[in-house]
Amino acid sequence: MNDNRRLVYSTEHGSLDKSMQKKHGINKKRPKQAAAPVIKNPNKQAVRIRRESKGRGGKTVSVIDGLPLNDPELKRLLKQLKSQLGSGGAVKDGSLEIQGDHREKLLALLDKAGYKARLAGG
């Protein structure tokens, strides 16, 4: 046996040889997530209104996606829609969720507010 061996891995400390990692291009850090896709032509993007009930205990919500607004503006619009519909709701991941199936009413209200909206799903 050769006495010039060195410890490269230990179950206590993990990988010990940093020079070997650099040499082989091994990176233990997680890769960065890709940024949100950039909308190429916002005029062709439409606001979508869909109905969801999965994962909500059988409750139905109307989800509005594709609004070209930032968070404070989304909250302001959500407050107006909730008061006109008499329903609850929330802003989640850049989309509006309104309790209940109000797709037809939301379509009319968004059209009145100046947003070109379409119904999505069946």
PDB file of N, CA and C in Angstrom:
ATOM      1  N   MET A   1       0.834  -1.192   0.000  1.00  0.00           N
ATOM      2  CA  MET A   1       0.000   0.000   0.000  1.00  0.00           C
ATOM      3  C   MET A   1       0.872   1.246   0.000  1.00  0.00           C
ATOM      4  N   ASN A   2       0.307   2.280  -0.576  1.00  0.00           N
ATOM      5  CA  ASN A   2       1.010   3.550  -0.666  1.00  0.00           C
ATOM      6  C   ASN A   2       0.596   4.440   0.490  1.00  0.00           C
ATOM      7  N   ASP A   3       1.544   5.003   1.212  1.00  0.00           N
ATOM      8  CA  ASP A   3       1.245   5.857   2.367  1.00  0.00           C
ATOM      9  C   ASP A   3       0.968   7.297   1.961  1.00  0.00           C
ATOM     10  N   ASN A   4       1.075   7.649   0.670  1.00  0.00           N
ATOM     11  CA  ASN A   4       0.847   9.011   0.211  1.00  0.00           C
ATOM     12  C   ASN A   4      -0.599   9.255  -0.193  1.00  0.00           C
ATOM     13  N   ARG A   5      -1.495   8.422   0.259  1.00  0.00           N
ATOM     14  CA  ARG A   5      -2.906   8.601  -0.067  1.00  0.00           C
ATOM     15  C   ARG A   5      -3.478   9.735   0.775  1.00  0.00           C
ATOM     16  N   ARG A   6      -4.528  10.357   0.251  1.00  0.00           N
ATOM     17  CA  ARG A   6      -5.192  11.396   1.030  1.00  0.00           C
ATOM     18  C   ARG A   6      -6.692  11.132   1.037  1.00  0.00           C
ATOM     19  N   LEU A   7      -7.351  11.578   2.063  1.00  0.00           N
ATOM     20  CA  LEU A   7      -8.781  11.378   2.220  1.00  0.00           C
ATOM     21  C   LEU A   7      -9.522  12.360   1.313  1.00  0.00           C
ATOM     22  N   VAL A   8     -10.425  11.865   0.467  1.00  0.00           N
ATOM     23  CA  VAL A   8     -11.151  12.702  -0.468  1.00  0.00           C
ATOM     24  C   VAL A   8     -12.599  12.890  -0.032  1.00  0.00           C
ATOM     25  N   TYR A   9     -13.153  11.895   0.662  1.00  0.00           N
ATOM     26  CA  TYR A   9     -14.544  11.981   1.080  1.00  0.00           C
ATOM     27  C   TYR A   9     -14.688  11.356   2.465  1.00  0.00           C
ATOM     28  N   SER A  10     -15.513  11.976   3.281  1.00  0.00           N
ATOM     29  CA  SER A  10     -15.793  11.449   4.603  1.00  0.00           C
ATOM     30  C   SER A  10     -17.290  11.563   4.851  1.00  0.00           C
ATOM     31  N   THR A  11     -17.891  10.556   5.448  1.00  0.00           N
ATOM     32  CA  THR A  11     -19.324  10.628   5.728  1.00  0.00           C
ATOM     33  C   THR A  11     -19.635  11.682   6.777  1.00  0.00           C
ATOM     34  N   GLU A  12     -18.636  12.068   7.569  1.00  0.00           N
ATOM     35  CA  GLU A  12     -18.843  13.116   8.574  1.00  0.00           C
ATOM     36  C   GLU A  12     -18.813  14.509   7.958  1.00  0.00           C
ATOM     37  N   HIS A  13     -17.848  14.729   7.061  1.00  0.00           N
ATOM     38  CA  HIS A  13     -17.600  16.080   6.562  1.00  0.00           C
ATOM     39  C   HIS A  13     -17.956  16.278   5.094  1.00  0.00           C
ATOM     40  N   GLY A  14     -18.325  15.230   4.398  1.00  0.00           N
ATOM     41  CA  GLY A  14     -18.629  15.363   2.984  1.00  0.00           C
ATOM     42  C   GLY A  14     -17.354  15.419   2.164  1.00  0.00           C
ATOM     43  N   SER A  15     -17.413  16.064   1.021  1.00  0.00           N
ATOM     44  CA  SER A  15     -16.272  16.147   0.128  1.00  0.00           C
ATOM     45  C   SER A  15     -15.199  17.039   0.743  1.00  0.00           C
ATOM     46  N   LEU A  16     -13.965  16.565   0.707  1.00  0.00           N
ATOM     47  CA  LEU A  16     -12.870  17.311   1.318  1.00  0.00           C
ATOM     48  C   LEU A  16     -11.915  17.912   0.311  1.00  0.00           C
ATOM     49  N   ASP A  17     -11.937  17.443  -0.903  1.00  0.00           N
ATOM     50  CA  ASP A  17     -10.962  17.869  -1.895  1.00  0.00           C
ATOM     51  C   ASP A  17     -11.574  18.926  -2.813  1.00  0.00           C
ATOM     52  N   LYS A  18     -11.394  20.195  -2.471  1.00  0.00           N
ATOM     53  CA  LYS A  18     -11.960  21.300  -3.255  1.00  0.00           C
ATOM     54  C   LYS A  18     -11.262  21.463  -4.598  1.00  0.00           C
ATOM     55  N   SER A  19      -9.966  21.151  -4.661  1.00  0.00           N
ATOM     56  CA  SER A  19      -9.238  21.314  -5.915  1.00  0.00           C
ATOM     57  C   SER A  19      -9.759  20.339  -6.974  1.00  0.00           C
ATOM     58  N   MET A  20     -10.190  19.143  -6.540  1.00  0.00           N
ATOM     59  CA  MET A  20     -10.736  18.169  -7.491  1.00  0.00           C
ATOM     60  C   MET A  20     -12.082  18.649  -8.031  1.00  0.00           C
ATOM     61  N   GLN A  21     -12.871  19.304  -7.208  1.00  0.00           N
ATOM     62  CA  GLN A  21     -14.155  19.823  -7.669  1.00  0.00           C
ATOM     63  C   GLN A  21     -13.945  20.900  -8.726  1.00  0.00           C
ATOM     64  N   LYS A  22     -13.011  21.792  -8.483  1.00  0.00           N
ATOM     65  CA  LYS A  22     -12.739  22.858  -9.450  1.00  0.00           C
ATOM     66  C   LYS A  22     -12.194  22.288 -10.752  1.00  0.00           C
ATOM     67  N   LYS A  23     -11.336  21.278 -10.640  1.00  0.00           N
ATOM     68  CA  LYS A  23     -10.715  20.685 -11.814  1.00  0.00           C
ATOM     69  C   LYS A  23     -11.747  20.036 -12.729  1.00  0.00           C
ATOM     70  N   HIS A  24     -12.749  19.382 -12.153  1.00  0.00           N
ATOM     71  CA  HIS A  24     -13.760  18.680 -12.939  1.00  0.00           C
ATOM     72  C   HIS A  24     -15.023  19.501 -13.148  1.00  0.00           C
ATOM     73  N   GLY A  25     -15.048  20.741 -12.680  1.00  0.00           N
ATOM     74  CA  GLY A  25     -16.202  21.605 -12.895  1.00  0.00           C
ATOM     75  C   GLY A  25     -17.429  21.208 -12.100  1.00  0.00           C
ATOM     76  N   ILE A  26     -17.233  20.644 -10.953  1.00  0.00           N
ATOM     77  CA  ILE A  26     -18.359  20.228 -10.112  1.00  0.00           C
ATOM     78  C   ILE A  26     -18.736  21.398  -9.220  1.00  0.00           C
ATOM     79  N   ASN A  27     -20.030  21.726  -9.223  1.00  0.00           N
ATOM     80  CA  ASN A  27     -20.522  22.815  -8.393  1.00  0.00           C
ATOM     81  C   ASN A  27     -21.652  22.269  -7.523  1.00  0.00           C
ATOM     82  N   LYS A  28     -21.479  22.326  -6.225  1.00  0.00           N
ATOM     83  CA  LYS A  28     -22.490  21.774  -5.326  1.00  0.00           C
ATOM     84  C   LYS A  28     -23.668  22.715  -5.118  1.00  0.00           C
ATOM     85  N   LYS A  29     -23.530  23.956  -5.482  1.00  0.00           N
ATOM     86  CA  LYS A  29     -24.618  24.906  -5.296  1.00  0.00           C
ATOM     87  C   LYS A  29     -25.741  24.602  -6.275  1.00  0.00           C
ATOM     88  N   ARG A  30     -26.955  24.958  -5.886  1.00  0.00           N
ATOM     89  CA  ARG A  30     -28.105  24.767  -6.775  1.00  0.00           C
ATOM     90  C   ARG A  30     -28.020  25.729  -7.951  1.00  0.00           C
ATOM     91  N   PRO A  31     -28.449  25.279  -9.114  1.00  0.00           N
ATOM     92  CA  PRO A  31     -28.472  26.212 -10.248  1.00  0.00           C
ATOM     93  C   PRO A  31     -29.559  27.257 -10.032  1.00  0.00           C
ATOM     94  N   LYS A  32     -29.311  28.452 -10.522  1.00  0.00           N
ATOM     95  CA  LYS A  32     -30.293  29.524 -10.394  1.00  0.00           C
ATOM     96  C   LYS A  32     -31.501  29.224 -11.260  1.00  0.00           C
ATOM     97  N   GLN A  33     -32.678  29.592 -10.750  1.00  0.00           N
ATOM     98  CA  GLN A  33     -33.887  29.386 -11.521  1.00  0.00           C
ATOM     99  C   GLN A  33     -33.963  30.420 -12.633  1.00  0.00           C
ATOM    100  N   ALA A  34     -34.555  30.009 -13.723  1.00  0.00           N
ATOM    101  CA  ALA A  34     -34.687  30.913 -14.860  1.00  0.00           C
ATOM    102  C   ALA A  34     -35.640  32.049 -14.509  1.00  0.00           C
ATOM    103  N   ALA A  35     -35.382  33.209 -15.057  1.00  0.00           N
ATOM    104  CA  ALA A  35     -36.249  34.361 -14.825  1.00  0.00           C
ATOM    105  C   ALA A  35     -37.580  34.151 -15.521  1.00  0.00           C
ATOM    106  N   ALA A  36     -38.570  34.911 -15.104  1.00  0.00           N
ATOM    107  CA  ALA A  36     -39.896  34.805 -15.720  1.00  0.00           C
ATOM    108  C   ALA A  36     -39.789  35.133 -17.209  1.00  0.00           C
ATOM    109  N   PRO A  37     -40.538  34.440 -18.043  1.00  0.00           N
ATOM    110  CA  PRO A  37     -40.451  34.701 -19.473  1.00  0.00           C
ATOM    111  C   PRO A  37     -40.922  36.116 -19.803  1.00  0.00           C
ATOM    112  N   VAL A  38     -40.221  36.724 -20.717  1.00  0.00           N
ATOM    113  CA  VAL A  38     -40.547  38.083 -21.131  1.00  0.00           C
ATOM    114  C   VAL A  38     -41.647  38.025 -22.181  1.00  0.00           C
ATOM    115  N   ILE A  39     -42.659  38.847 -22.022  1.00  0.00           N
ATOM    116  CA  ILE A  39     -43.750  38.898 -22.991  1.00  0.00           C
ATOM    117  C   ILE A  39     -43.249  39.652 -24.208  1.00  0.00           C
ATOM    118  N   LYS A  40     -43.245  38.975 -25.354  1.00  0.00           N
ATOM    119  CA  LYS A  40     -42.702  39.577 -26.568  1.00  0.00           C
ATOM    120  C   LYS A  40     -43.632  40.618 -27.161  1.00  0.00           C
ATOM    121  N   ASN A  41     -44.927  40.318 -27.216  1.00  0.00           N
ATOM    122  CA  ASN A  41     -45.888  41.244 -27.788  1.00  0.00           C
ATOM    123  C   ASN A  41     -47.078  41.363 -26.838  1.00  0.00           C
ATOM    124  N   PRO A  42     -47.071  42.371 -25.945  1.00  0.00           N
ATOM    125  CA  PRO A  42     -48.145  42.471 -24.961  1.00  0.00           C
ATOM    126  C   PRO A  42     -49.516  42.739 -25.586  1.00  0.00           C
ATOM    127  N   ASN A  43     -49.557  43.250 -26.813  1.00  0.00           N
ATOM    128  CA  ASN A  43     -50.851  43.497 -27.453  1.00  0.00           C
ATOM    129  C   ASN A  43     -51.572  42.201 -27.794  1.00  0.00           C
ATOM    130  N   LYS A  44     -50.813  41.128 -28.038  1.00  0.00           N
ATOM    131  CA  LYS A  44     -51.427  39.845 -28.354  1.00  0.00           C
ATOM    132  C   LYS A  44     -51.769  39.047 -27.100  1.00  0.00           C
ATOM    133  N   GLN A  45     -51.241  39.449 -25.960  1.00  0.00           N
ATOM    134  CA  GLN A  45     -51.531  38.758 -24.708  1.00  0.00           C
ATOM    135  C   GLN A  45     -52.893  39.192 -24.202  1.00  0.00           C
ATOM    136  N   ALA A  46     -53.723  38.241 -23.885  1.00  0.00           N
ATOM    137  CA  ALA A  46     -55.067  38.555 -23.407  1.00  0.00           C
ATOM    138  C   ALA A  46     -55.187  38.180 -21.941  1.00  0.00           C
ATOM    139  N   VAL A  47     -56.070  38.869 -21.273  1.00  0.00           N
ATOM    140  CA  VAL A  47     -56.394  38.542 -19.898  1.00  0.00           C
ATOM    141  C   VAL A  47     -57.311  37.327 -19.933  1.00  0.00           C
ATOM    142  N   ARG A  48     -56.995  36.319 -19.156  1.00  0.00           N
ATOM    143  CA  ARG A  48     -57.763  35.074 -19.142  1.00  0.00           C
ATOM    144  C   ARG A  48     -58.500  34.937 -17.822  1.00  0.00           C
ATOM    145  N   ILE A  49     -59.762  34.526 -17.908  1.00  0.00           N
ATOM    146  CA  ILE A  49     -60.571  34.265 -16.726  1.00  0.00           C
ATOM    147  C   ILE A  49     -60.925  32.779 -16.751  1.00  0.00           C
ATOM    148  N   ARG A  50     -60.514  32.060 -15.715  1.00  0.00           N
ATOM    149  CA  ARG A  50     -60.805  30.634 -15.669  1.00  0.00           C
ATOM    150  C   ARG A  50     -61.370  30.254 -14.301  1.00  0.00           C
ATOM    151  N   ARG A  51     -61.971  29.083 -14.246  1.00  0.00           N
ATOM    152  CA  ARG A  51     -62.564  28.581 -13.016  1.00  0.00           C
ATOM    153  C   ARG A  51     -61.712  27.419 -12.517  1.00  0.00           C
ATOM    154  N   GLU A  52     -61.442  27.399 -11.219  1.00  0.00           N
ATOM    155  CA  GLU A  52     -60.664  26.315 -10.614  1.00  0.00           C
ATOM    156  C   GLU A  52     -61.387  25.810  -9.384  1.00  0.00           C
ATOM    157  N   SER A  53     -61.281  24.494  -9.149  1.00  0.00           N
ATOM    158  CA  SER A  53     -61.827  23.940  -7.913  1.00  0.00           C
ATOM    159  C   SER A  53     -60.932  22.854  -7.338  1.00  0.00           C
ATOM    160  N   LYS A  54     -59.889  22.467  -8.040  1.00  0.00           N
ATOM    161  CA  LYS A  54     -58.998  21.419  -7.546  1.00  0.00           C
ATOM    162  C   LYS A  54     -58.127  21.940  -6.410  1.00  0.00           C
ATOM    163  N   GLY A  55     -57.972  21.116  -5.404  1.00  0.00           N
ATOM    164  CA  GLY A  55     -57.113  21.473  -4.283  1.00  0.00           C
ATOM    165  C   GLY A  55     -57.709  22.503  -3.357  1.00  0.00           C
ATOM    166  N   ARG A  56     -59.020  22.727  -3.453  1.00  0.00           N
ATOM    167  CA  ARG A  56     -59.662  23.751  -2.639  1.00  0.00           C
ATOM    168  C   ARG A  56     -60.836  23.181  -1.857  1.00  0.00           C
ATOM    169  N   GLY A  57     -60.844  21.890  -1.672  1.00  0.00           N
ATOM    170  CA  GLY A  57     -61.915  21.260  -0.912  1.00  0.00           C
ATOM    171  C   GLY A  57     -63.269  21.370  -1.586  1.00  0.00           C
ATOM    172  N   GLY A  58     -63.312  21.389  -2.906  1.00  0.00           N
ATOM    173  CA  GLY A  58     -64.564  21.481  -3.639  1.00  0.00           C
ATOM    174  C   GLY A  58     -65.060  22.899  -3.850  1.00  0.00           C
ATOM    175  N   LYS A  59     -64.405  23.875  -3.248  1.00  0.00           N
ATOM    176  CA  LYS A  59     -64.803  25.277  -3.430  1.00  0.00           C
ATOM    177  C   LYS A  59     -64.333  25.758  -4.798  1.00  0.00           C
ATOM    178  N   THR A  60     -65.116  26.625  -5.405  1.00  0.00           N
ATOM    179  CA  THR A  60     -64.802  27.139  -6.733  1.00  0.00           C
ATOM    180  C   THR A  60     -64.282  28.567  -6.622  1.00  0.00           C
ATOM    181  N   VAL A  61     -63.238  28.874  -7.391  1.00  0.00           N
ATOM    182  CA  VAL A  61     -62.721  30.238  -7.477  1.00  0.00           C
ATOM    183  C   VAL A  61     -62.583  30.611  -8.945  1.00  0.00           C
ATOM    184  N   SER A  62     -62.700  31.891  -9.216  1.00  0.00           N
ATOM    185  CA  SER A  62     -62.445  32.426 -10.551  1.00  0.00           C
ATOM    186  C   SER A  62     -61.055  33.046 -10.520  1.00  0.00           C
ATOM    187  N   VAL A  63     -60.197  32.641 -11.446  1.00  0.00           N
ATOM    188  CA  VAL A  63     -58.820  33.105 -11.480  1.00  0.00           C
ATOM    189  C   VAL A  63     -58.625  33.979 -12.714  1.00  0.00           C
ATOM    190  N   ILE A  64     -58.055  35.161 -12.502  1.00  0.00           N
ATOM    191  CA  ILE A  64     -57.782  36.103 -13.591  1.00  0.00           C
ATOM    192  C   ILE A  64     -56.268  36.182 -13.768  1.00  0.00           C
ATOM    193  N   ASP A  65     -55.780  35.779 -14.937  1.00  0.00           N
ATOM    194  CA  ASP A  65     -54.352  35.793 -15.263  1.00  0.00           C
ATOM    195  C   ASP A  65     -54.077  36.776 -16.386  1.00  0.00           C
ATOM    196  N   GLY A  66     -52.818  37.218 -16.472  1.00  0.00           N
ATOM    197  CA  GLY A  66     -52.379  37.998 -17.620  1.00  0.00           C
ATOM    198  C   GLY A  66     -52.613  39.493 -17.509  1.00  0.00           C
ATOM    199  N   LEU A  67     -52.929  39.981 -16.327  1.00  0.00           N
ATOM    200  CA  LEU A  67     -53.111  41.429 -16.183  1.00  0.00           C
ATOM    201  C   LEU A  67     -51.748  42.119 -16.157  1.00  0.00           C
ATOM    202  N   PRO A  68     -51.546  43.133 -16.966  1.00  0.00           N
ATOM    203  CA  PRO A  68     -50.249  43.814 -17.019  1.00  0.00           C
ATOM    204  C   PRO A  68     -50.118  44.863 -15.910  1.00  0.00           C
ATOM    205  N   LEU A  69     -50.261  44.434 -14.647  1.00  0.00           N
ATOM    206  CA  LEU A  69     -50.239  45.345 -13.507  1.00  0.00           C
ATOM    207  C   LEU A  69     -49.239  44.850 -12.474  1.00  0.00           C
ATOM    208  N   ASN A  70     -48.727  45.785 -11.663  1.00  0.00           N
ATOM    209  CA  ASN A  70     -47.865  45.383 -10.565  1.00  0.00           C
ATOM    210  C   ASN A  70     -48.717  45.109  -9.317  1.00  0.00           C
ATOM    211  N   ASP A  71     -48.116  44.685  -8.226  1.00  0.00           N
ATOM    212  CA  ASP A  71     -48.863  44.239  -7.053  1.00  0.00           C
ATOM    213  C   ASP A  71     -49.806  45.290  -6.453  1.00  0.00           C
ATOM    214  N   PRO A  72     -49.383  46.538  -6.240  1.00  0.00           N
ATOM    215  CA  PRO A  72     -50.341  47.505  -5.675  1.00  0.00           C
ATOM    216  C   PRO A  72     -51.549  47.759  -6.580  1.00  0.00           C
ATOM    217  N   GLU A  73     -51.311  47.781  -7.899  1.00  0.00           N
ATOM    218  CA  GLU A  73     -52.421  47.987  -8.832  1.00  0.00           C
ATOM    219  C   GLU A  73     -53.344  46.766  -8.858  1.00  0.00           C
ATOM    220  N   LEU A  74     -52.752  45.553  -8.748  1.00  0.00           N
ATOM    221  CA  LEU A  74     -53.567  44.337  -8.693  1.00  0.00           C
ATOM    222  C   LEU A  74     -54.459  44.346  -7.450  1.00  0.00           C
ATOM    223  N   LYS A  75     -53.902  44.770  -6.325  1.00  0.00           N
ATOM    224  CA  LYS A  75     -54.678  44.816  -5.078  1.00  0.00           C
ATOM    225  C   LYS A  75     -55.820  45.825  -5.182  1.00  0.00           C
ATOM    226  N   ARG A  76     -55.546  46.955  -5.835  1.00  0.00           N
ATOM    227  CA  ARG A  76     -56.579  47.975  -6.008  1.00  0.00           C
ATOM    228  C   ARG A  76     -57.718  47.454  -6.885  1.00  0.00           C
ATOM    229  N   LEU A  77     -57.366  46.800  -7.999  1.00  0.00           N
ATOM    230  CA  LEU A  77     -58.370  46.228  -8.890  1.00  0.00           C
ATOM    231  C   LEU A  77     -59.141  45.112  -8.190  1.00  0.00           C
ATOM    232  N   LEU A  78     -58.450  44.286  -7.430  1.00  0.00           N
ATOM    233  CA  LEU A  78     -59.109  43.202  -6.701  1.00  0.00           C
ATOM    234  C   LEU A  78     -60.122  43.755  -5.714  1.00  0.00           C
ATOM    235  N   LYS A  79     -59.774  44.813  -5.033  1.00  0.00           N
ATOM    236  CA  LYS A  79     -60.700  45.412  -4.064  1.00  0.00           C
ATOM    237  C   LYS A  79     -61.971  45.904  -4.764  1.00  0.00           C
ATOM    238  N   GLN A  80     -61.814  46.533  -5.928  1.00  0.00           N
ATOM    239  CA  GLN A  80     -62.980  47.000  -6.683  1.00  0.00           C
ATOM    240  C   GLN A  80     -63.857  45.833  -7.123  1.00  0.00           C
ATOM    241  N   LEU A  81     -63.223  44.785  -7.659  1.00  0.00           N
ATOM    242  CA  LEU A  81     -63.988  43.632  -8.148  1.00  0.00           C
ATOM    243  C   LEU A  81     -64.705  42.917  -7.007  1.00  0.00           C
ATOM    244  N   LYS A  82     -64.037  42.763  -5.881  1.00  0.00           N
ATOM    245  CA  LYS A  82     -64.652  42.086  -4.736  1.00  0.00           C
ATOM    246  C   LYS A  82     -65.862  42.863  -4.234  1.00  0.00           C
ATOM    247  N   SER A  83     -65.752  44.180  -4.190  1.00  0.00           N
ATOM    248  CA  SER A  83     -66.879  44.975  -3.697  1.00  0.00           C
ATOM    249  C   SER A  83     -68.052  44.943  -4.671  1.00  0.00           C
ATOM    250  N   GLN A  84     -67.775  44.908  -5.973  1.00  0.00           N
ATOM    251  CA  GLN A  84     -68.853  44.860  -6.957  1.00  0.00           C
ATOM    252  C   GLN A  84     -69.519  43.490  -7.019  1.00  0.00           C
ATOM    253  N   LEU A  85     -68.761  42.431  -6.688  1.00  0.00           N
ATOM    254  CA  LEU A  85     -69.310  41.086  -6.732  1.00  0.00           C
ATOM    255  C   LEU A  85     -69.838  40.615  -5.378  1.00  0.00           C
ATOM    256  N   GLY A  86     -69.446  41.292  -4.311  1.00  0.00           N
ATOM    257  CA  GLY A  86     -69.851  40.858  -2.979  1.00  0.00           C
ATOM    258  C   GLY A  86     -69.213  39.541  -2.602  1.00  0.00           C
ATOM    259  N   SER A  87     -67.939  39.394  -2.916  1.00  0.00           N
ATOM    260  CA  SER A  87     -67.244  38.133  -2.705  1.00  0.00           C
ATOM    261  C   SER A  87     -65.851  38.406  -2.168  1.00  0.00           C
ATOM    262  N   GLY A  88     -65.193  37.360  -1.676  1.00  0.00           N
ATOM    263  CA  GLY A  88     -63.824  37.479  -1.187  1.00  0.00           C
ATOM    264  C   GLY A  88     -62.843  37.143  -2.280  1.00  0.00           C
ATOM    265  N   GLY A  89     -61.561  37.347  -1.998  1.00  0.00           N
ATOM    266  CA  GLY A  89     -60.549  37.022  -2.989  1.00  0.00           C
ATOM    267  C   GLY A  89     -59.168  37.358  -2.493  1.00  0.00           C
ATOM    268  N   ALA A  90     -58.172  37.058  -3.325  1.00  0.00           N
ATOM    269  CA  ALA A  90     -56.774  37.292  -2.968  1.00  0.00           C
ATOM    270  C   ALA A  90     -55.935  37.444  -4.229  1.00  0.00           C
ATOM    271  N   VAL A  91     -54.747  38.043  -4.051  1.00  0.00           N
ATOM    272  CA  VAL A  91     -53.748  38.122  -5.114  1.00  0.00           C
ATOM    273  C   VAL A  91     -52.719  37.044  -4.830  1.00  0.00           C
ATOM    274  N   LYS A  92     -52.526  36.105  -5.759  1.00  0.00           N
ATOM    275  CA  LYS A  92     -51.533  35.040  -5.590  1.00  0.00           C
ATOM    276  C   LYS A  92     -50.734  34.880  -6.866  1.00  0.00           C
ATOM    277  N   ASP A  93     -49.424  35.016  -6.758  1.00  0.00           N
ATOM    278  CA  ASP A  93     -48.500  34.821  -7.881  1.00  0.00           C
ATOM    279  C   ASP A  93     -48.862  35.657  -9.100  1.00  0.00           C
ATOM    280  N   GLY A  94     -49.246  36.897  -8.898  1.00  0.00           N
ATOM    281  CA  GLY A  94     -49.545  37.786 -10.011  1.00  0.00           C
ATOM    282  C   GLY A  94     -50.894  37.564 -10.659  1.00  0.00           C
ATOM    283  N   SER A  95     -51.745  36.748 -10.052  1.00  0.00           N
ATOM    284  CA  SER A  95     -53.088  36.548 -10.590  1.00  0.00           C
ATOM    285  C   SER A  95     -54.106  36.810  -9.495  1.00  0.00           C
ATOM    286  N   LEU A  96     -55.311  37.156  -9.906  1.00  0.00           N
ATOM    287  CA  LEU A  96     -56.384  37.442  -8.967  1.00  0.00           C
ATOM    288  C   LEU A  96     -57.243  36.200  -8.783  1.00  0.00           C
ATOM    289  N   GLU A  97     -57.551  35.857  -7.549  1.00  0.00           N
ATOM    290  CA  GLU A  97     -58.437  34.744  -7.251  1.00  0.00           C
ATOM    291  C   GLU A  97     -59.651  35.302  -6.532  1.00  0.00           C
ATOM    292  N   ILE A  98     -60.814  35.074  -7.100  1.00  0.00           N
ATOM    293  CA  ILE A  98     -62.061  35.566  -6.519  1.00  0.00           C
ATOM    294  C   ILE A  98     -62.938  34.370  -6.196  1.00  0.00           C
ATOM    295  N   GLN A  99     -63.462  34.335  -4.985  1.00  0.00           N
ATOM    296  CA  GLN A  99     -64.252  33.196  -4.535  1.00  0.00           C
ATOM    297  C   GLN A  99     -65.562  33.106  -5.296  1.00  0.00           C
ATOM    298  N   GLY A 100     -65.861  31.915  -5.786  1.00  0.00           N
ATOM    299  CA  GLY A 100     -67.101  31.670  -6.524  1.00  0.00           C
ATOM    300  C   GLY A 100     -66.894  31.692  -8.020  1.00  0.00           C
ATOM    301  N   ASP A 101     -67.907  31.213  -8.753  1.00  0.00           N
ATOM    302  CA  ASP A 101     -67.852  31.195 -10.207  1.00  0.00           C
ATOM    303  C   ASP A 101     -68.522  32.464 -10.736  1.00  0.00           C
ATOM    304  N   HIS A 102     -67.711  33.512 -10.949  1.00  0.00           N
ATOM    305  CA  HIS A 102     -68.213  34.808 -11.407  1.00  0.00           C
ATOM    306  C   HIS A 102     -67.615  35.170 -12.764  1.00  0.00           C
ATOM    307  N   ARG A 103     -67.342  34.186 -13.588  1.00  0.00           N
ATOM    308  CA  ARG A 103     -66.618  34.450 -14.843  1.00  0.00           C
ATOM    309  C   ARG A 103     -67.338  35.427 -15.751  1.00  0.00           C
ATOM    310  N   GLU A 104     -68.646  35.252 -15.950  1.00  0.00           N
ATOM    311  CA  GLU A 104     -69.393  36.143 -16.856  1.00  0.00           C
ATOM    312  C   GLU A 104     -69.429  37.572 -16.319  1.00  0.00           C
ATOM    313  N   LYS A 105     -69.651  37.710 -15.021  1.00  0.00           N
ATOM    314  CA  LYS A 105     -69.676  39.044 -14.414  1.00  0.00           C
ATOM    315  C   LYS A 105     -68.300  39.693 -14.482  1.00  0.00           C
ATOM    316  N   LEU A 106     -67.247  38.903 -14.229  1.00  0.00           N
ATOM    317  CA  LEU A 106     -65.889  39.439 -14.298  1.00  0.00           C
ATOM    318  C   LEU A 106     -65.533  39.881 -15.710  1.00  0.00           C
ATOM    319  N   LEU A 107     -65.995  39.137 -16.692  1.00  0.00           N
ATOM    320  CA  LEU A 107     -65.749  39.501 -18.085  1.00  0.00           C
ATOM    321  C   LEU A 107     -66.337  40.882 -18.383  1.00  0.00           C
ATOM    322  N   ALA A 108     -67.554  41.106 -17.933  1.00  0.00           N
ATOM    323  CA  ALA A 108     -68.201  42.404 -18.156  1.00  0.00           C
ATOM    324  C   ALA A 108     -67.505  43.511 -17.376  1.00  0.00           C
ATOM    325  N   LEU A 109     -67.120  43.240 -16.118  1.00  0.00           N
ATOM    326  CA  LEU A 109     -66.474  44.271 -15.297  1.00  0.00           C
ATOM    327  C   LEU A 109     -65.092  44.634 -15.829  1.00  0.00           C
ATOM    328  N   LEU A 110     -64.334  43.649 -16.270  1.00  0.00           N
ATOM    329  CA  LEU A 110     -63.010  43.934 -16.821  1.00  0.00           C
ATOM    330  C   LEU A 110     -63.107  44.664 -18.154  1.00  0.00           C
ATOM    331  N   ASP A 111     -64.110  44.324 -18.957  1.00  0.00           N
ATOM    332  CA  ASP A 111     -64.319  45.027 -20.218  1.00  0.00           C
ATOM    333  C   ASP A 111     -64.658  46.487 -19.954  1.00  0.00           C
ATOM    334  N   LYS A 112     -65.475  46.713 -18.940  1.00  0.00           N
ATOM    335  CA  LYS A 112     -65.851  48.079 -18.555  1.00  0.00           C
ATOM    336  C   LYS A 112     -64.638  48.867 -18.051  1.00  0.00           C
ATOM    337  N   ALA A 113     -63.693  48.147 -17.384  1.00  0.00           N
ATOM    338  CA  ALA A 113     -62.482  48.785 -16.864  1.00  0.00           C
ATOM    339  C   ALA A 113     -61.431  48.976 -17.943  1.00  0.00           C
ATOM    340  N   GLY A 114     -61.657  48.434 -19.144  1.00  0.00           N
ATOM    341  CA  GLY A 114     -60.725  48.662 -20.248  1.00  0.00           C
ATOM    342  C   GLY A 114     -59.751  47.529 -20.509  1.00  0.00           C
ATOM    343  N   TYR A 115     -59.976  46.362 -19.938  1.00  0.00           N
ATOM    344  CA  TYR A 115     -59.100  45.216 -20.162  1.00  0.00           C
ATOM    345  C   TYR A 115     -59.779  44.245 -21.132  1.00  0.00           C
ATOM    346  N   LYS A 116     -59.039  43.811 -22.137  1.00  0.00           N
ATOM    347  CA  LYS A 116     -59.548  42.850 -23.103  1.00  0.00           C
ATOM    348  C   LYS A 116     -59.400  41.465 -22.475  1.00  0.00           C
ATOM    349  N   ALA A 117     -60.520  40.906 -22.010  1.00  0.00           N
ATOM    350  CA  ALA A 117     -60.482  39.630 -21.303  1.00  0.00           C
ATOM    351  C   ALA A 117     -61.197  38.560 -22.110  1.00  0.00           C
ATOM    352  N   ARG A 118     -60.792  37.301 -21.874  1.00  0.00           N
ATOM    353  CA  ARG A 118     -61.422  36.152 -22.528  1.00  0.00           C
ATOM    354  C   ARG A 118     -61.626  35.057 -21.502  1.00  0.00           C
ATOM    355  N   LEU A 119     -62.664  34.262 -21.715  1.00  0.00           N
ATOM    356  CA  LEU A 119     -62.916  33.114 -20.858  1.00  0.00           C
ATOM    357  C   LEU A 119     -62.001  31.981 -21.290  1.00  0.00           C
ATOM    358  N   ALA A 120     -61.424  31.288 -20.324  1.00  0.00           N
ATOM    359  CA  ALA A 120     -60.539  30.162 -20.622  1.00  0.00           C
ATOM    360  C   ALA A 120     -61.109  28.914 -19.973  1.00  0.00           C
ATOM    361  N   GLY A 121     -60.848  27.781 -20.578  1.00  0.00           N
ATOM    362  CA  GLY A 121     -61.316  26.518 -20.017  1.00  0.00           C
ATOM    363  C   GLY A 121     -62.744  26.227 -20.443  1.00  0.00           C
ATOM    364  N   GLY A 122     -63.289  25.148 -19.889  1.00  0.00           N
ATOM    365  CA  GLY A 122     -64.611  24.705 -20.300  1.00  0.00           C
ATOM    366  C   GLY A 122     -65.668  25.027 -19.395  1.00  0.00           C
TER     367      GLY A 122
END
